Amino acid sequence: MQRRLLAARESVHVLEEQVAVWNDALEESRIRALVSETPLQAQEYGELSRHVAAANAELARRRHEVEDLVNERDDLLRSWTPKD
């Protein structure tokens, strides 16, 4: 259980870093699309936007997974009774 929780937390941490970079890239792409007003820049922004939205959805899913694992662990600890 603890290994799964640690792995899930590490996965969230890595994805958070990636999403932060992608969000920065998305903002730069948005500005380029506004300034250039070309269909190609708008298309690139749209594609990157979809990619970032999917990454954010995955991040939310993984955060929920961590929350579920923490709750499961806490439930197990509450129900555990030591043997004498």
PDB file of N, CA and C in Angstrom:
ATOM      1  N   MET A   1       0.830  -1.188   0.000  1.00  0.00           N
ATOM      2  CA  MET A   1       0.000   0.000   0.000  1.00  0.00           C
ATOM      3  C   MET A   1       0.876   1.254   0.000  1.00  0.00           C
ATOM      4  N   GLN A   2       1.851   1.280   0.891  1.00  0.00           N
ATOM      5  CA  GLN A   2       2.697   2.460   1.003  1.00  0.00           C
ATOM      6  C   GLN A   2       3.499   2.687  -0.275  1.00  0.00           C
ATOM      7  N   ARG A   3       3.956   1.604  -0.892  1.00  0.00           N
ATOM      8  CA  ARG A   3       4.705   1.736  -2.159  1.00  0.00           C
ATOM      9  C   ARG A   3       3.832   2.331  -3.251  1.00  0.00           C
ATOM     10  N   ARG A   4       2.591   1.871  -3.319  1.00  0.00           N
ATOM     11  CA  ARG A   4       1.667   2.414  -4.325  1.00  0.00           C
ATOM     12  C   ARG A   4       1.421   3.893  -4.084  1.00  0.00           C
ATOM     13  N   LEU A   5       1.284   4.273  -2.823  1.00  0.00           N
ATOM     14  CA  LEU A   5       1.052   5.673  -2.487  1.00  0.00           C
ATOM     15  C   LEU A   5       2.272   6.523  -2.840  1.00  0.00           C
ATOM     16  N   LEU A   6       3.448   6.046  -2.516  1.00  0.00           N
ATOM     17  CA  LEU A   6       4.668   6.790  -2.853  1.00  0.00           C
ATOM     18  C   LEU A   6       4.831   6.932  -4.364  1.00  0.00           C
ATOM     19  N   ALA A   7       4.565   5.848  -5.094  1.00  0.00           N
ATOM     20  CA  ALA A   7       4.665   5.890  -6.556  1.00  0.00           C
ATOM     21  C   ALA A   7       3.643   6.861  -7.139  1.00  0.00           C
ATOM     22  N   ALA A   8       2.429   6.847  -6.602  1.00  0.00           N
ATOM     23  CA  ALA A   8       1.385   7.749  -7.096  1.00  0.00           C
ATOM     24  C   ALA A   8       1.749   9.203  -6.808  1.00  0.00           C
ATOM     25  N   ARG A   9       2.291   9.460  -5.633  1.00  0.00           N
ATOM     26  CA  ARG A   9       2.702  10.832  -5.299  1.00  0.00           C
ATOM     27  C   ARG A   9       3.841  11.296  -6.197  1.00  0.00           C
ATOM     28  N   GLU A  10       4.791  10.417  -6.470  1.00  0.00           N
ATOM     29  CA  GLU A  10       5.899  10.776  -7.367  1.00  0.00           C
ATOM     30  C   GLU A  10       5.375  11.053  -8.773  1.00  0.00           C
ATOM     31  N   SER A  11       4.435  10.248  -9.218  1.00  0.00           N
ATOM     32  CA  SER A  11       3.824  10.440 -10.528  1.00  0.00           C
ATOM     33  C   SER A  11       3.137  11.804 -10.608  1.00  0.00           C
ATOM     34  N   VAL A  12       2.430  12.179  -9.555  1.00  0.00           N
ATOM     35  CA  VAL A  12       1.775  13.485  -9.511  1.00  0.00           C
ATOM     36  C   VAL A  12       2.815  14.598  -9.564  1.00  0.00           C
ATOM     37  N   HIS A  13       3.880  14.439  -8.804  1.00  0.00           N
ATOM     38  CA  HIS A  13       4.925  15.467  -8.771  1.00  0.00           C
ATOM     39  C   HIS A  13       5.542  15.674 -10.160  1.00  0.00           C
ATOM     40  N   VAL A  14       5.878  14.591 -10.837  1.00  0.00           N
ATOM     41  CA  VAL A  14       6.469  14.686 -12.177  1.00  0.00           C
ATOM     42  C   VAL A  14       5.492  15.332 -13.144  1.00  0.00           C
ATOM     43  N   LEU A  15       4.248  14.918 -13.101  1.00  0.00           N
ATOM     44  CA  LEU A  15       3.252  15.478 -14.008  1.00  0.00           C
ATOM     45  C   LEU A  15       2.991  16.946 -13.712  1.00  0.00           C
ATOM     46  N   GLU A  16       3.025  17.336 -12.441  1.00  0.00           N
ATOM     47  CA  GLU A  16       2.859  18.755 -12.101  1.00  0.00           C
ATOM     48  C   GLU A  16       3.956  19.602 -12.743  1.00  0.00           C
ATOM     49  N   GLU A  17       5.191  19.101 -12.710  1.00  0.00           N
ATOM     50  CA  GLU A  17       6.296  19.829 -13.334  1.00  0.00           C
ATOM     51  C   GLU A  17       6.100  19.933 -14.843  1.00  0.00           C
ATOM     52  N   GLN A  18       5.679  18.835 -15.463  1.00  0.00           N
ATOM     53  CA  GLN A  18       5.451  18.835 -16.901  1.00  0.00           C
ATOM     54  C   GLN A  18       4.322  19.788 -17.278  1.00  0.00           C
ATOM     55  N   VAL A  19       3.245  19.753 -16.525  1.00  0.00           N
ATOM     56  CA  VAL A  19       2.092  20.605 -16.818  1.00  0.00           C
ATOM     57  C   VAL A  19       2.481  22.080 -16.670  1.00  0.00           C
ATOM     58  N   ALA A  20       3.313  22.392 -15.691  1.00  0.00           N
ATOM     59  CA  ALA A  20       3.757  23.783 -15.520  1.00  0.00           C
ATOM     60  C   ALA A  20       4.512  24.251 -16.763  1.00  0.00           C
ATOM     61  N   VAL A  21       5.383  23.404 -17.298  1.00  0.00           N
ATOM     62  CA  VAL A  21       6.126  23.760 -18.513  1.00  0.00           C
ATOM     63  C   VAL A  21       5.173  23.908 -19.688  1.00  0.00           C
ATOM     64  N   TRP A  22       4.237  22.971 -19.810  1.00  0.00           N
ATOM     65  CA  TRP A  22       3.282  23.030 -20.919  1.00  0.00           C
ATOM     66  C   TRP A  22       2.374  24.249 -20.813  1.00  0.00           C
ATOM     67  N   ASN A  23       1.992  24.610 -19.607  1.00  0.00           N
ATOM     68  CA  ASN A  23       1.164  25.813 -19.435  1.00  0.00           C
ATOM     69  C   ASN A  23       1.922  27.059 -19.875  1.00  0.00           C
ATOM     70  N   ASP A  24       3.216  27.129 -19.569  1.00  0.00           N
ATOM     71  CA  ASP A  24       4.035  28.252 -20.036  1.00  0.00           C
ATOM     72  C   ASP A  24       4.099  28.268 -21.564  1.00  0.00           C
ATOM     73  N   ALA A  25       4.314  27.093 -22.149  1.00  0.00           N
ATOM     74  CA  ALA A  25       4.371  26.990 -23.607  1.00  0.00           C
ATOM     75  C   ALA A  25       3.029  27.377 -24.228  1.00  0.00           C
ATOM     76  N   LEU A  26       1.947  26.995 -23.567  1.00  0.00           N
ATOM     77  CA  LEU A  26       0.613  27.336 -24.064  1.00  0.00           C
ATOM     78  C   LEU A  26       0.410  28.845 -24.059  1.00  0.00           C
ATOM     79  N   GLU A  27       0.849  29.506 -23.008  1.00  0.00           N
ATOM     80  CA  GLU A  27       0.708  30.956 -22.937  1.00  0.00           C
ATOM     81  C   GLU A  27       1.526  31.630 -24.040  1.00  0.00           C
ATOM     82  N   GLU A  28       2.743  31.151 -24.264  1.00  0.00           N
ATOM     83  CA  GLU A  28       3.568  31.700 -25.346  1.00  0.00           C
ATOM     84  C   GLU A  28       2.908  31.472 -26.702  1.00  0.00           C
ATOM     85  N   SER A  29       2.348  30.290 -26.884  1.00  0.00           N
ATOM     86  CA  SER A  29       1.674  29.974 -28.137  1.00  0.00           C
ATOM     87  C   SER A  29       0.438  30.854 -28.330  1.00  0.00           C
ATOM     88  N   ARG A  30      -0.277  31.113 -27.264  1.00  0.00           N
ATOM     89  CA  ARG A  30      -1.461  31.977 -27.340  1.00  0.00           C
ATOM     90  C   ARG A  30      -1.069  33.386 -27.781  1.00  0.00           C
ATOM     91  N   ILE A  31       0.008  33.884 -27.214  1.00  0.00           N
ATOM     92  CA  ILE A  31       0.470  35.224 -27.575  1.00  0.00           C
ATOM     93  C   ILE A  31       0.928  35.263 -29.029  1.00  0.00           C
ATOM     94  N   ARG A  32       1.669  34.226 -29.449  1.00  0.00           N
ATOM     95  CA  ARG A  32       2.109  34.175 -30.854  1.00  0.00           C
ATOM     96  C   ARG A  32       0.910  34.127 -31.796  1.00  0.00           C
ATOM     97  N   ALA A  33      -0.106  33.367 -31.419  1.00  0.00           N
ATOM     98  CA  ALA A  33      -1.303  33.267 -32.260  1.00  0.00           C
ATOM     99  C   ALA A  33      -2.022  34.608 -32.352  1.00  0.00           C
ATOM    100  N   LEU A  34      -2.065  35.328 -31.237  1.00  0.00           N
ATOM    101  CA  LEU A  34      -2.715  36.645 -31.255  1.00  0.00           C
ATOM    102  C   LEU A  34      -1.932  37.650 -32.087  1.00  0.00           C
ATOM    103  N   VAL A  35      -0.618  37.639 -31.937  1.00  0.00           N
ATOM    104  CA  VAL A  35       0.228  38.618 -32.627  1.00  0.00           C
ATOM    105  C   VAL A  35       0.303  38.326 -34.122  1.00  0.00           C
ATOM    106  N   SER A  36       0.498  37.068 -34.472  1.00  0.00           N
ATOM    107  CA  SER A  36       0.696  36.742 -35.882  1.00  0.00           C
ATOM    108  C   SER A  36      -0.620  36.685 -36.661  1.00  0.00           C
ATOM    109  N   GLU A  37      -1.693  36.302 -35.979  1.00  0.00           N
ATOM    110  CA  GLU A  37      -3.009  36.174 -36.602  1.00  0.00           C
ATOM    111  C   GLU A  37      -2.991  35.284 -37.844  1.00  0.00           C
ATOM    112  N   THR A  38      -2.148  34.236 -37.815  1.00  0.00           N
ATOM    113  CA  THR A  38      -2.122  33.302 -38.940  1.00  0.00           C
ATOM    114  C   THR A  38      -2.855  32.028 -38.550  1.00  0.00           C
ATOM    115  N   PRO A  39      -3.436  31.375 -39.539  1.00  0.00           N
ATOM    116  CA  PRO A  39      -4.136  30.118 -39.250  1.00  0.00           C
ATOM    117  C   PRO A  39      -3.200  29.050 -38.667  1.00  0.00           C
ATOM    118  N   LEU A  40      -1.955  29.033 -39.115  1.00  0.00           N
ATOM    119  CA  LEU A  40      -1.011  28.036 -38.624  1.00  0.00           C
ATOM    120  C   LEU A  40      -0.750  28.229 -37.127  1.00  0.00           C
ATOM    121  N   GLN A  41      -0.534  29.457 -36.699  1.00  0.00           N
ATOM    122  CA  GLN A  41      -0.307  29.725 -35.275  1.00  0.00           C
ATOM    123  C   GLN A  41      -1.558  29.389 -34.461  1.00  0.00           C
ATOM    124  N   ALA A  42      -2.713  29.708 -35.000  1.00  0.00           N
ATOM    125  CA  ALA A  42      -3.959  29.387 -34.304  1.00  0.00           C
ATOM    126  C   ALA A  42      -4.129  27.879 -34.180  1.00  0.00           C
ATOM    127  N   GLN A  43      -3.765  27.151 -35.243  1.00  0.00           N
ATOM    128  CA  GLN A  43      -3.853  25.692 -35.219  1.00  0.00           C
ATOM    129  C   GLN A  43      -2.884  25.115 -34.188  1.00  0.00           C
ATOM    130  N   GLU A  44      -1.655  25.629 -34.152  1.00  0.00           N
ATOM    131  CA  GLU A  44      -0.674  25.157 -33.174  1.00  0.00           C
ATOM    132  C   GLU A  44      -1.163  25.414 -31.756  1.00  0.00           C
ATOM    133  N   TYR A  45      -1.743  26.580 -31.543  1.00  0.00           N
ATOM    134  CA  TYR A  45      -2.290  26.901 -30.220  1.00  0.00           C
ATOM    135  C   TYR A  45      -3.417  25.933 -29.865  1.00  0.00           C
ATOM    136  N   GLY A  46      -4.288  25.661 -30.811  1.00  0.00           N
ATOM    137  CA  GLY A  46      -5.398  24.733 -30.565  1.00  0.00           C
ATOM    138  C   GLY A  46      -4.918  23.338 -30.213  1.00  0.00           C
ATOM    139  N   GLU A  47      -3.912  22.853 -30.938  1.00  0.00           N
ATOM    140  CA  GLU A  47      -3.368  21.527 -30.664  1.00  0.00           C
ATOM    141  C   GLU A  47      -2.708  21.478 -29.286  1.00  0.00           C
ATOM    142  N   LEU A  48      -1.915  22.488 -28.990  1.00  0.00           N
ATOM    143  CA  LEU A  48      -1.254  22.536 -27.688  1.00  0.00           C
ATOM    144  C   LEU A  48      -2.282  22.678 -26.573  1.00  0.00           C
ATOM    145  N   SER A  49      -3.318  23.444 -26.816  1.00  0.00           N
ATOM    146  CA  SER A  49      -4.375  23.626 -25.829  1.00  0.00           C
ATOM    147  C   SER A  49      -5.052  22.295 -25.494  1.00  0.00           C
ATOM    148  N   ARG A  50      -5.330  21.500 -26.516  1.00  0.00           N
ATOM    149  CA  ARG A  50      -5.934  20.180 -26.286  1.00  0.00           C
ATOM    150  C   ARG A  50      -4.982  19.282 -25.510  1.00  0.00           C
ATOM    151  N   HIS A  51      -3.703  19.348 -25.838  1.00  0.00           N
ATOM    152  CA  HIS A  51      -2.692  18.543 -25.159  1.00  0.00           C
ATOM    153  C   HIS A  51      -2.616  18.926 -23.672  1.00  0.00           C
ATOM    154  N   VAL A  52      -2.595  20.216 -23.410  1.00  0.00           N
ATOM    155  CA  VAL A  52      -2.523  20.697 -22.025  1.00  0.00           C
ATOM    156  C   VAL A  52      -3.799  20.332 -21.269  1.00  0.00           C
ATOM    157  N   ALA A  53      -4.938  20.421 -21.912  1.00  0.00           N
ATOM    158  CA  ALA A  53      -6.200  20.040 -21.265  1.00  0.00           C
ATOM    159  C   ALA A  53      -6.186  18.560 -20.885  1.00  0.00           C
ATOM    160  N   ALA A  54      -5.665  17.720 -21.773  1.00  0.00           N
ATOM    161  CA  ALA A  54      -5.568  16.288 -21.474  1.00  0.00           C
ATOM    162  C   ALA A  54      -4.594  16.049 -20.320  1.00  0.00           C
ATOM    163  N   ALA A  55      -3.485  16.760 -20.314  1.00  0.00           N
ATOM    164  CA  ALA A  55      -2.503  16.613 -19.238  1.00  0.00           C
ATOM    165  C   ALA A  55      -3.098  17.062 -17.906  1.00  0.00           C
ATOM    166  N   ASN A  56      -3.851  18.146 -17.916  1.00  0.00           N
ATOM    167  CA  ASN A  56      -4.497  18.611 -16.688  1.00  0.00           C
ATOM    168  C   ASN A  56      -5.542  17.620 -16.194  1.00  0.00           C
ATOM    169  N   ALA A  57      -6.267  16.995 -17.118  1.00  0.00           N
ATOM    170  CA  ALA A  57      -7.244  15.981 -16.739  1.00  0.00           C
ATOM    171  C   ALA A  57      -6.537  14.775 -16.118  1.00  0.00           C
ATOM    172  N   GLU A  58      -5.412  14.374 -16.695  1.00  0.00           N
ATOM    173  CA  GLU A  58      -4.641  13.258 -16.149  1.00  0.00           C
ATOM    174  C   GLU A  58      -4.088  13.619 -14.775  1.00  0.00           C
ATOM    175  N   LEU A  59      -3.643  14.844 -14.606  1.00  0.00           N
ATOM    176  CA  LEU A  59      -3.141  15.292 -13.312  1.00  0.00           C
ATOM    177  C   LEU A  59      -4.254  15.233 -12.265  1.00  0.00           C
ATOM    178  N   ALA A  60      -5.434  15.668 -12.616  1.00  0.00           N
ATOM    179  CA  ALA A  60      -6.568  15.603 -11.691  1.00  0.00           C
ATOM    180  C   ALA A  60      -6.889  14.152 -11.337  1.00  0.00           C
ATOM    181  N   ARG A  61      -6.817  13.262 -12.336  1.00  0.00           N
ATOM    182  CA  ARG A  61      -7.086  11.841 -12.092  1.00  0.00           C
ATOM    183  C   ARG A  61      -6.057  11.263 -11.134  1.00  0.00           C
ATOM    184  N   ARG A  62      -4.789  11.612 -11.344  1.00  0.00           N
ATOM    185  CA  ARG A  62      -3.737  11.081 -10.475  1.00  0.00           C
ATOM    186  C   ARG A  62      -3.828  11.658  -9.066  1.00  0.00           C
ATOM    187  N   ARG A  63      -4.188  12.916  -8.948  1.00  0.00           N
ATOM    188  CA  ARG A  63      -4.379  13.504  -7.612  1.00  0.00           C
ATOM    189  C   ARG A  63      -5.520  12.794  -6.879  1.00  0.00           C
ATOM    190  N   HIS A  64      -6.575  12.477  -7.619  1.00  0.00           N
ATOM    191  CA  HIS A  64      -7.696  11.751  -7.033  1.00  0.00           C
ATOM    192  C   HIS A  64      -7.245  10.352  -6.598  1.00  0.00           C
ATOM    193  N   GLU A  65      -6.400   9.731  -7.392  1.00  0.00           N
ATOM    194  CA  GLU A  65      -5.862   8.415  -7.052  1.00  0.00           C
ATOM    195  C   GLU A  65      -5.068   8.481  -5.739  1.00  0.00           C
ATOM    196  N   VAL A  66      -4.244   9.515  -5.584  1.00  0.00           N
ATOM    197  CA  VAL A  66      -3.488   9.683  -4.349  1.00  0.00           C
ATOM    198  C   VAL A  66      -4.446   9.862  -3.174  1.00  0.00           C
ATOM    199  N   GLU A  67      -5.450  10.672  -3.360  1.00  0.00           N
ATOM    200  CA  GLU A  67      -6.439  10.891  -2.300  1.00  0.00           C
ATOM    201  C   GLU A  67      -7.113   9.578  -1.909  1.00  0.00           C
ATOM    202  N   ASP A  68      -7.490   8.775  -2.898  1.00  0.00           N
ATOM    203  CA  ASP A  68      -8.119   7.484  -2.625  1.00  0.00           C
ATOM    204  C   ASP A  68      -7.176   6.561  -1.864  1.00  0.00           C
ATOM    205  N   LEU A  69      -5.907   6.539  -2.268  1.00  0.00           N
ATOM    206  CA  LEU A  69      -4.937   5.686  -1.581  1.00  0.00           C
ATOM    207  C   LEU A  69      -4.721   6.137  -0.140  1.00  0.00           C
ATOM    208  N   VAL A  70      -4.670   7.435   0.079  1.00  0.00           N
ATOM    209  CA  VAL A  70      -4.518   7.958   1.447  1.00  0.00           C
ATOM    210  C   VAL A  70      -5.723   7.552   2.288  1.00  0.00           C
ATOM    211  N   ASN A  71      -6.910   7.701   1.733  1.00  0.00           N
ATOM    212  CA  ASN A  71      -8.127   7.317   2.458  1.00  0.00           C
ATOM    213  C   ASN A  71      -8.142   5.822   2.757  1.00  0.00           C
ATOM    214  N   GLU A  72      -7.733   5.018   1.772  1.00  0.00           N
ATOM    215  CA  GLU A  72      -7.684   3.565   1.964  1.00  0.00           C
ATOM    216  C   GLU A  72      -6.684   3.208   3.057  1.00  0.00           C
ATOM    217  N   ARG A  73      -5.520   3.839   3.027  1.00  0.00           N
ATOM    218  CA  ARG A  73      -4.499   3.593   4.047  1.00  0.00           C
ATOM    219  C   ARG A  73      -5.012   3.987   5.427  1.00  0.00           C
ATOM    220  N   ASP A  74      -5.636   5.156   5.508  1.00  0.00           N
ATOM    221  CA  ASP A  74      -6.160   5.621   6.795  1.00  0.00           C
ATOM    222  C   ASP A  74      -7.250   4.691   7.326  1.00  0.00           C
ATOM    223  N   ASP A  75      -8.106   4.195   6.436  1.00  0.00           N
ATOM    224  CA  ASP A  75      -9.136   3.247   6.853  1.00  0.00           C
ATOM    225  C   ASP A  75      -8.508   1.965   7.394  1.00  0.00           C
ATOM    226  N   LEU A  76      -7.471   1.490   6.716  1.00  0.00           N
ATOM    227  CA  LEU A  76      -6.790   0.289   7.186  1.00  0.00           C
ATOM    228  C   LEU A  76      -6.136   0.524   8.548  1.00  0.00           C
ATOM    229  N   LEU A  77      -5.541   1.663   8.734  1.00  0.00           N
ATOM    230  CA  LEU A  77      -4.900   1.957  10.011  1.00  0.00           C
ATOM    231  C   LEU A  77      -5.922   2.084  11.137  1.00  0.00           C
ATOM    232  N   ARG A  78      -7.076   2.670  10.828  1.00  0.00           N
ATOM    233  CA  ARG A  78      -8.122   2.802  11.847  1.00  0.00           C
ATOM    234  C   ARG A  78      -8.680   1.435  12.255  1.00  0.00           C
ATOM    235  N   SER A  79      -8.776   0.530  11.296  1.00  0.00           N
ATOM    236  CA  SER A  79      -9.375  -0.778  11.600  1.00  0.00           C
ATOM    237  C   SER A  79      -8.348  -1.777  12.133  1.00  0.00           C
ATOM    238  N   TRP A  80      -7.105  -1.443  12.092  1.00  0.00           N
ATOM    239  CA  TRP A  80      -6.047  -2.349  12.543  1.00  0.00           C
ATOM    240  C   TRP A  80      -6.011  -2.409  14.065  1.00  0.00           C
ATOM    241  N   THR A  81      -5.949  -3.596  14.559  1.00  0.00           N
ATOM    242  CA  THR A  81      -5.777  -3.788  16.005  1.00  0.00           C
ATOM    243  C   THR A  81      -4.541  -4.634  16.214  1.00  0.00           C
ATOM    244  N   PRO A  82      -3.605  -4.138  16.999  1.00  0.00           N
ATOM    245  CA  PRO A  82      -2.367  -4.897  17.219  1.00  0.00           C
ATOM    246  C   PRO A  82      -2.629  -6.172  18.005  1.00  0.00           C
ATOM    247  N   LYS A  83      -1.853  -7.179  17.686  1.00  0.00           N
ATOM    248  CA  LYS A  83      -1.958  -8.440  18.423  1.00  0.00           C
ATOM    249  C   LYS A  83      -1.008  -8.396  19.611  1.00  0.00           C
ATOM    250  N   ASP A  84      -1.505  -8.861  20.718  1.00  0.00           N
ATOM    251  CA  ASP A  84      -0.673  -8.858  21.926  1.00  0.00           C
ATOM    252  C   ASP A  84       0.227 -10.063  21.987  1.00  0.00           C
TER     253      ASP A  84
END
